[in-house]
Structures are given as structure tokens and as C-alpha cells.
Amino acid sequence: MEVIRSNFKDNLNKVYEAIEESDFLAIDGEFSGISDGPSVSALTNGFDTPEERYQKLKKLRSVALNLQKS
């Protein structure tokens, strides 16, 4: 299941149930939210340096929710 901003509320109870039934929980937060916006190919091009590509993706990524352990 892919949970994104537009379907978060609809899937929240399913997530809670899955967590309760699970023996462990793993969350991949790398580039969270990147698929919730323009495609990577629309943001970058073959002429971008690695640093330029990183900065463009980082800027897009900064609007996504970060999960933190407190």
C-alpha cells in the first residue's frame, strides 16, 4: 500500500491495524513524498551535475513529512 498525502486519512486505520498485528515495523523515509509531485525527469535533465540534481530533489523533498523518533 502506498500512503501519500491524498489518501492518508482514508488509510490511517489500516495502518494502525497493520502496526498492531506486526512483529516489527520498518519505514523507508528516503525521498518520502517525491512521487507526490512532479516526476524526477521533469525536474532534472542530463546536463545537471550531481550537485544540481541533488539540490533539485532536496528542494522537492523538503515539503514532505519527516518522521522523527522522540
PDB file of N, CA and C in Angstrom:
ATOM      1  N   MET A   1       0.853  -1.165   0.000  1.00  0.00           N
ATOM      2  CA  MET A   1       0.000   0.000   0.000  1.00  0.00           C
ATOM      3  C   MET A   1       0.902   1.232   0.000  1.00  0.00           C
ATOM      4  N   GLU A   2       0.589   2.188  -0.836  1.00  0.00           N
ATOM      5  CA  GLU A   2       1.316   3.449  -0.852  1.00  0.00           C
ATOM      6  C   GLU A   2       0.437   4.506  -0.205  1.00  0.00           C
ATOM      7  N   VAL A   3       0.911   5.052   0.894  1.00  0.00           N
ATOM      8  CA  VAL A   3       0.165   6.081   1.607  1.00  0.00           C
ATOM      9  C   VAL A   3       0.812   7.421   1.294  1.00  0.00           C
ATOM     10  N   ILE A   4       0.032   8.287   0.669  1.00  0.00           N
ATOM     11  CA  ILE A   4       0.508   9.625   0.316  1.00  0.00           C
ATOM     12  C   ILE A   4      -0.476  10.649   0.873  1.00  0.00           C
ATOM     13  N   ARG A   5      -0.151  11.904   0.705  1.00  0.00           N
ATOM     14  CA  ARG A   5      -0.968  12.973   1.276  1.00  0.00           C
ATOM     15  C   ARG A   5      -2.443  12.836   0.899  1.00  0.00           C
ATOM     16  N   SER A   6      -2.723  12.517  -0.345  1.00  0.00           N
ATOM     17  CA  SER A   6      -4.117  12.498  -0.806  1.00  0.00           C
ATOM     18  C   SER A   6      -4.933  11.324  -0.265  1.00  0.00           C
ATOM     19  N   ASN A   7      -4.278  10.238   0.182  1.00  0.00           N
ATOM     20  CA  ASN A   7      -5.047   9.098   0.696  1.00  0.00           C
ATOM     21  C   ASN A   7      -4.711   8.775   2.152  1.00  0.00           C
ATOM     22  N   PHE A   8      -3.996   9.667   2.824  1.00  0.00           N
ATOM     23  CA  PHE A   8      -3.547   9.409   4.188  1.00  0.00           C
ATOM     24  C   PHE A   8      -4.709   9.131   5.136  1.00  0.00           C
ATOM     25  N   LYS A   9      -5.690  10.025   5.177  1.00  0.00           N
ATOM     26  CA  LYS A   9      -6.808   9.861   6.111  1.00  0.00           C
ATOM     27  C   LYS A   9      -7.602   8.590   5.827  1.00  0.00           C
ATOM     28  N   ASP A  10      -7.779   8.258   4.557  1.00  0.00           N
ATOM     29  CA  ASP A  10      -8.537   7.061   4.193  1.00  0.00           C
ATOM     30  C   ASP A  10      -7.834   5.784   4.631  1.00  0.00           C
ATOM     31  N   ASN A  11      -6.513   5.804   4.720  1.00  0.00           N
ATOM     32  CA  ASN A  11      -5.747   4.601   5.033  1.00  0.00           C
ATOM     33  C   ASN A  11      -5.222   4.545   6.462  1.00  0.00           C
ATOM     34  N   LEU A  12      -5.447   5.567   7.250  1.00  0.00           N
ATOM     35  CA  LEU A  12      -4.858   5.624   8.582  1.00  0.00           C
ATOM     36  C   LEU A  12      -5.280   4.457   9.471  1.00  0.00           C
ATOM     37  N   ASN A  13      -6.545   4.077   9.461  1.00  0.00           N
ATOM     38  CA  ASN A  13      -6.985   2.946  10.284  1.00  0.00           C
ATOM     39  C   ASN A  13      -6.336   1.643   9.837  1.00  0.00           C
ATOM     40  N   LYS A  14      -6.152   1.455   8.526  1.00  0.00           N
ATOM     41  CA  LYS A  14      -5.464   0.263   8.020  1.00  0.00           C
ATOM     42  C   LYS A  14      -4.026   0.225   8.519  1.00  0.00           C
ATOM     43  N   VAL A  15      -3.389   1.380   8.542  1.00  0.00           N
ATOM     44  CA  VAL A  15      -2.007   1.460   9.031  1.00  0.00           C
ATOM     45  C   VAL A  15      -1.956   1.093  10.509  1.00  0.00           C
ATOM     46  N   TYR A  16      -2.842   1.668  11.312  1.00  0.00           N
ATOM     47  CA  TYR A  16      -2.891   1.335  12.739  1.00  0.00           C
ATOM     48  C   TYR A  16      -3.092  -0.167  12.949  1.00  0.00           C
ATOM     49  N   GLU A  17      -4.014  -0.760  12.208  1.00  0.00           N
ATOM     50  CA  GLU A  17      -4.280  -2.195  12.332  1.00  0.00           C
ATOM     51  C   GLU A  17      -3.058  -3.016  11.944  1.00  0.00           C
ATOM     52  N   ALA A  18      -2.410  -2.643  10.869  1.00  0.00           N
ATOM     53  CA  ALA A  18      -1.221  -3.373  10.420  1.00  0.00           C
ATOM     54  C   ALA A  18      -0.102  -3.280  11.451  1.00  0.00           C
ATOM     55  N   ILE A  19       0.063  -2.121  12.065  1.00  0.00           N
ATOM     56  CA  ILE A  19       1.096  -1.960  13.099  1.00  0.00           C
ATOM     57  C   ILE A  19       0.788  -2.848  14.295  1.00  0.00           C
ATOM     58  N   GLU A  20      -0.451  -2.856  14.724  1.00  0.00           N
ATOM     59  CA  GLU A  20      -0.847  -3.682  15.871  1.00  0.00           C
ATOM     60  C   GLU A  20      -0.620  -5.169  15.616  1.00  0.00           C
ATOM     61  N   GLU A  21      -0.810  -5.620  14.387  1.00  0.00           N
ATOM     62  CA  GLU A  21      -0.663  -7.033  14.039  1.00  0.00           C
ATOM     63  C   GLU A  21       0.775  -7.422  13.713  1.00  0.00           C
ATOM     64  N   SER A  22       1.661  -6.459  13.604  1.00  0.00           N
ATOM     65  CA  SER A  22       3.031  -6.719  13.147  1.00  0.00           C
ATOM     66  C   SER A  22       3.962  -7.106  14.282  1.00  0.00           C
ATOM     67  N   ASP A  23       4.979  -7.897  13.922  1.00  0.00           N
ATOM     68  CA  ASP A  23       6.050  -8.224  14.855  1.00  0.00           C
ATOM     69  C   ASP A  23       7.122  -7.140  14.848  1.00  0.00           C
ATOM     70  N   PHE A  24       7.262  -6.444  13.742  1.00  0.00           N
ATOM     71  CA  PHE A  24       8.218  -5.339  13.641  1.00  0.00           C
ATOM     72  C   PHE A  24       7.689  -4.329  12.628  1.00  0.00           C
ATOM     73  N   LEU A  25       8.285  -3.148  12.634  1.00  0.00           N
ATOM     74  CA  LEU A  25       7.851  -2.071  11.752  1.00  0.00           C
ATOM     75  C   LEU A  25       9.072  -1.459  11.088  1.00  0.00           C
ATOM     76  N   ALA A  26       9.039  -1.333   9.782  1.00  0.00           N
ATOM     77  CA  ALA A  26      10.106  -0.678   9.027  1.00  0.00           C
ATOM     78  C   ALA A  26       9.473   0.398   8.155  1.00  0.00           C
ATOM     79  N   ILE A  27      10.058   1.572   8.186  1.00  0.00           N
ATOM     80  CA  ILE A  27       9.556   2.681   7.377  1.00  0.00           C
ATOM     81  C   ILE A  27      10.700   3.199   6.531  1.00  0.00           C
ATOM     82  N   ASP A  28      10.500   3.217   5.229  1.00  0.00           N
ATOM     83  CA  ASP A  28      11.500   3.757   4.313  1.00  0.00           C
ATOM     84  C   ASP A  28      11.168   5.223   4.094  1.00  0.00           C
ATOM     85  N   GLY A  29      11.942   6.092   4.694  1.00  0.00           N
ATOM     86  CA  GLY A  29      11.681   7.514   4.590  1.00  0.00           C
ATOM     87  C   GLY A  29      12.539   8.223   3.569  1.00  0.00           C
ATOM     88  N   GLU A  30      13.391   7.480   2.866  1.00  0.00           N
ATOM     89  CA  GLU A  30      14.256   8.103   1.874  1.00  0.00           C
ATOM     90  C   GLU A  30      13.417   8.631   0.723  1.00  0.00           C
ATOM     91  N   PHE A  31      13.527   9.893   0.458  1.00  0.00           N
ATOM     92  CA  PHE A  31      12.775  10.571  -0.593  1.00  0.00           C
ATOM     93  C   PHE A  31      11.268  10.432  -0.415  1.00  0.00           C
ATOM     94  N   SER A  32      10.810  10.401   0.845  1.00  0.00           N
ATOM     95  CA  SER A  32       9.364  10.380   1.079  1.00  0.00           C
ATOM     96  C   SER A  32       8.720  11.564   0.387  1.00  0.00           C
ATOM     97  N   GLY A  33       7.604  11.301  -0.278  1.00  0.00           N
ATOM     98  CA  GLY A  33       6.865  12.371  -0.918  1.00  0.00           C
ATOM     99  C   GLY A  33       7.327  12.728  -2.303  1.00  0.00           C
ATOM    100  N   ILE A  34       8.394  12.116  -2.780  1.00  0.00           N
ATOM    101  CA  ILE A  34       8.909  12.500  -4.089  1.00  0.00           C
ATOM    102  C   ILE A  34       7.937  12.119  -5.203  1.00  0.00           C
ATOM    103  N   SER A  35       7.140  11.062  -4.986  1.00  0.00           N
ATOM    104  CA  SER A  35       6.193  10.669  -6.028  1.00  0.00           C
ATOM    105  C   SER A  35       4.896  11.471  -5.942  1.00  0.00           C
ATOM    106  N   ASP A  36       4.802  12.341  -4.953  1.00  0.00           N
ATOM    107  CA  ASP A  36       3.593  13.136  -4.760  1.00  0.00           C
ATOM    108  C   ASP A  36       3.695  14.499  -5.444  1.00  0.00           C
ATOM    109  N   GLY A  37       4.645  14.630  -6.366  1.00  0.00           N
ATOM    110  CA  GLY A  37       4.840  15.891  -7.064  1.00  0.00           C
ATOM    111  C   GLY A  37       5.275  15.619  -8.486  1.00  0.00           C
ATOM    112  N   PRO A  38       5.958  16.570  -9.088  1.00  0.00           N
ATOM    113  CA  PRO A  38       6.421  16.368 -10.467  1.00  0.00           C
ATOM    114  C   PRO A  38       7.396  15.200 -10.553  1.00  0.00           C
ATOM    115  N   SER A  39       7.456  14.579 -11.705  1.00  0.00           N
ATOM    116  CA  SER A  39       8.362  13.441 -11.860  1.00  0.00           C
ATOM    117  C   SER A  39       9.806  13.908 -11.801  1.00  0.00           C
ATOM    118  N   VAL A  40      10.683  12.998 -11.413  1.00  0.00           N
ATOM    119  CA  VAL A  40      12.106  13.310 -11.314  1.00  0.00           C
ATOM    120  C   VAL A  40      12.628  13.790 -12.656  1.00  0.00           C
ATOM    121  N   SER A  41      12.194  13.156 -13.740  1.00  0.00           N
ATOM    122  CA  SER A  41      12.679  13.550 -15.065  1.00  0.00           C
ATOM    123  C   SER A  41      12.213  14.952 -15.456  1.00  0.00           C
ATOM    124  N   ALA A  42      11.093  15.406 -14.892  1.00  0.00           N
ATOM    125  CA  ALA A  42      10.629  16.769 -15.176  1.00  0.00           C
ATOM    126  C   ALA A  42      11.448  17.808 -14.417  1.00  0.00           C
ATOM    127  N   LEU A  43      12.067  17.390 -13.326  1.00  0.00           N
ATOM    128  CA  LEU A  43      12.850  18.316 -12.508  1.00  0.00           C
ATOM    129  C   LEU A  43      14.310  18.384 -12.920  1.00  0.00           C
ATOM    130  N   THR A  44      14.823  17.292 -13.433  1.00  0.00           N
ATOM    131  CA  THR A  44      16.249  17.212 -13.728  1.00  0.00           C
ATOM    132  C   THR A  44      16.448  16.924 -15.208  1.00  0.00           C
ATOM    133  N   ASN A  45      17.680  17.097 -15.661  1.00  0.00           N
ATOM    134  CA  ASN A  45      17.987  16.762 -17.046  1.00  0.00           C
ATOM    135  C   ASN A  45      19.394  16.184 -17.118  1.00  0.00           C
ATOM    136  N   GLY A  46      19.773  15.708 -18.260  1.00  0.00           N
ATOM    137  CA  GLY A  46      21.068  15.064 -18.435  1.00  0.00           C
ATOM    138  C   GLY A  46      22.253  15.997 -18.299  1.00  0.00           C
ATOM    139  N   PHE A  47      21.996  17.292 -18.255  1.00  0.00           N
ATOM    140  CA  PHE A  47      23.079  18.263 -18.135  1.00  0.00           C
ATOM    141  C   PHE A  47      23.319  18.699 -16.693  1.00  0.00           C
ATOM    142  N   ASP A  48      22.443  18.289 -15.780  1.00  0.00           N
ATOM    143  CA  ASP A  48      22.626  18.635 -14.370  1.00  0.00           C
ATOM    144  C   ASP A  48      23.852  17.931 -13.809  1.00  0.00           C
ATOM    145  N   THR A  49      24.584  18.644 -12.982  1.00  0.00           N
ATOM    146  CA  THR A  49      25.667  17.999 -12.239  1.00  0.00           C
ATOM    147  C   THR A  49      25.025  17.189 -11.115  1.00  0.00           C
ATOM    148  N   PRO A  50      25.750  16.256 -10.522  1.00  0.00           N
ATOM    149  CA  PRO A  50      25.179  15.532  -9.386  1.00  0.00           C
ATOM    150  C   PRO A  50      24.698  16.485  -8.279  1.00  0.00           C
ATOM    151  N   GLU A  51      25.450  17.546  -8.031  1.00  0.00           N
ATOM    152  CA  GLU A  51      25.054  18.515  -7.000  1.00  0.00           C
ATOM    153  C   GLU A  51      23.747  19.222  -7.377  1.00  0.00           C
ATOM    154  N   GLU A  52      23.592  19.618  -8.643  1.00  0.00           N
ATOM    155  CA  GLU A  52      22.360  20.282  -9.081  1.00  0.00           C
ATOM    156  C   GLU A  52      21.165  19.340  -8.961  1.00  0.00           C
ATOM    157  N   ARG A  53      21.353  18.096  -9.379  1.00  0.00           N
ATOM    158  CA  ARG A  53      20.273  17.104  -9.268  1.00  0.00           C
ATOM    159  C   ARG A  53      19.877  16.914  -7.806  1.00  0.00           C
ATOM    160  N   TYR A  54      20.883  16.770  -6.945  1.00  0.00           N
ATOM    161  CA  TYR A  54      20.621  16.590  -5.519  1.00  0.00           C
ATOM    162  C   TYR A  54      19.845  17.777  -4.959  1.00  0.00           C
ATOM    163  N   GLN A  55      20.268  18.997  -5.286  1.00  0.00           N
ATOM    164  CA  GLN A  55      19.604  20.189  -4.757  1.00  0.00           C
ATOM    165  C   GLN A  55      18.155  20.288  -5.237  1.00  0.00           C
ATOM    166  N   LYS A  56      17.891  19.939  -6.488  1.00  0.00           N
ATOM    167  CA  LYS A  56      16.521  19.969  -7.009  1.00  0.00           C
ATOM    168  C   LYS A  56      15.638  18.954  -6.287  1.00  0.00           C
ATOM    169  N   LEU A  57      16.159  17.748  -6.106  1.00  0.00           N
ATOM    170  CA  LEU A  57      15.383  16.719  -5.420  1.00  0.00           C
ATOM    171  C   LEU A  57      15.224  17.049  -3.940  1.00  0.00           C
ATOM    172  N   LYS A  58      16.250  17.620  -3.340  1.00  0.00           N
ATOM    173  CA  LYS A  58      16.186  18.015  -1.933  1.00  0.00           C
ATOM    174  C   LYS A  58      15.111  19.076  -1.730  1.00  0.00           C
ATOM    175  N   LYS A  59      15.033  20.033  -2.650  1.00  0.00           N
ATOM    176  CA  LYS A  59      14.027  21.093  -2.544  1.00  0.00           C
ATOM    177  C   LYS A  59      12.619  20.500  -2.595  1.00  0.00           C
ATOM    178  N   LEU A  60      12.383  19.576  -3.506  1.00  0.00           N
ATOM    179  CA  LEU A  60      11.083  18.910  -3.594  1.00  0.00           C
ATOM    180  C   LEU A  60      10.817  18.107  -2.331  1.00  0.00           C
ATOM    181  N   ARG A  61      11.817  17.411  -1.861  1.00  0.00           N
ATOM    182  CA  ARG A  61      11.697  16.544  -0.695  1.00  0.00           C
ATOM    183  C   ARG A  61      11.385  17.325   0.574  1.00  0.00           C
ATOM    184  N   SER A  62      11.814  18.566   0.650  1.00  0.00           N
ATOM    185  CA  SER A  62      11.673  19.341   1.880  1.00  0.00           C
ATOM    186  C   SER A  62      10.218  19.605   2.250  1.00  0.00           C
ATOM    187  N   VAL A  63       9.286  19.432   1.328  1.00  0.00           N
ATOM    188  CA  VAL A  63       7.875  19.647   1.653  1.00  0.00           C
ATOM    189  C   VAL A  63       7.215  18.390   2.206  1.00  0.00           C
ATOM    190  N   ALA A  64       7.904  17.267   2.165  1.00  0.00           N
ATOM    191  CA  ALA A  64       7.338  16.010   2.651  1.00  0.00           C
ATOM    192  C   ALA A  64       7.516  15.901   4.162  1.00  0.00           C
ATOM    193  N   LEU A  65       6.672  15.113   4.776  1.00  0.00           N
ATOM    194  CA  LEU A  65       6.719  14.899   6.211  1.00  0.00           C
ATOM    195  C   LEU A  65       7.929  14.060   6.590  1.00  0.00           C
ATOM    196  N   ASN A  66       8.680  14.528   7.561  1.00  0.00           N
ATOM    197  CA  ASN A  66       9.783  13.743   8.101  1.00  0.00           C
ATOM    198  C   ASN A  66       9.320  13.079   9.384  1.00  0.00           C
ATOM    199  N   LEU A  67       9.656  11.827   9.540  1.00  0.00           N
ATOM    200  CA  LEU A  67       9.317  11.096  10.753  1.00  0.00           C
ATOM    201  C   LEU A  67      10.499  11.174  11.696  1.00  0.00           C
ATOM    202  N   GLN A  68      10.239  11.444  12.951  1.00  0.00           N
ATOM    203  CA  GLN A  68      11.309  11.549  13.922  1.00  0.00           C
ATOM    204  C   GLN A  68      10.963  10.743  15.157  1.00  0.00           C
ATOM    205  N   LYS A  69      11.984  10.131  15.711  1.00  0.00           N
ATOM    206  CA  LYS A  69      11.822   9.416  16.975  1.00  0.00           C
ATOM    207  C   LYS A  69      12.106  10.409  18.085  1.00  0.00           C
ATOM    208  N   SER A  70      11.193  10.517  19.027  1.00  0.00           N
ATOM    209  CA  SER A  70      11.424  11.474  20.120  1.00  0.00           C
ATOM    210  C   SER A  70      11.718  10.757  21.415  1.00  0.00           C
TER     211      SER A  70
END
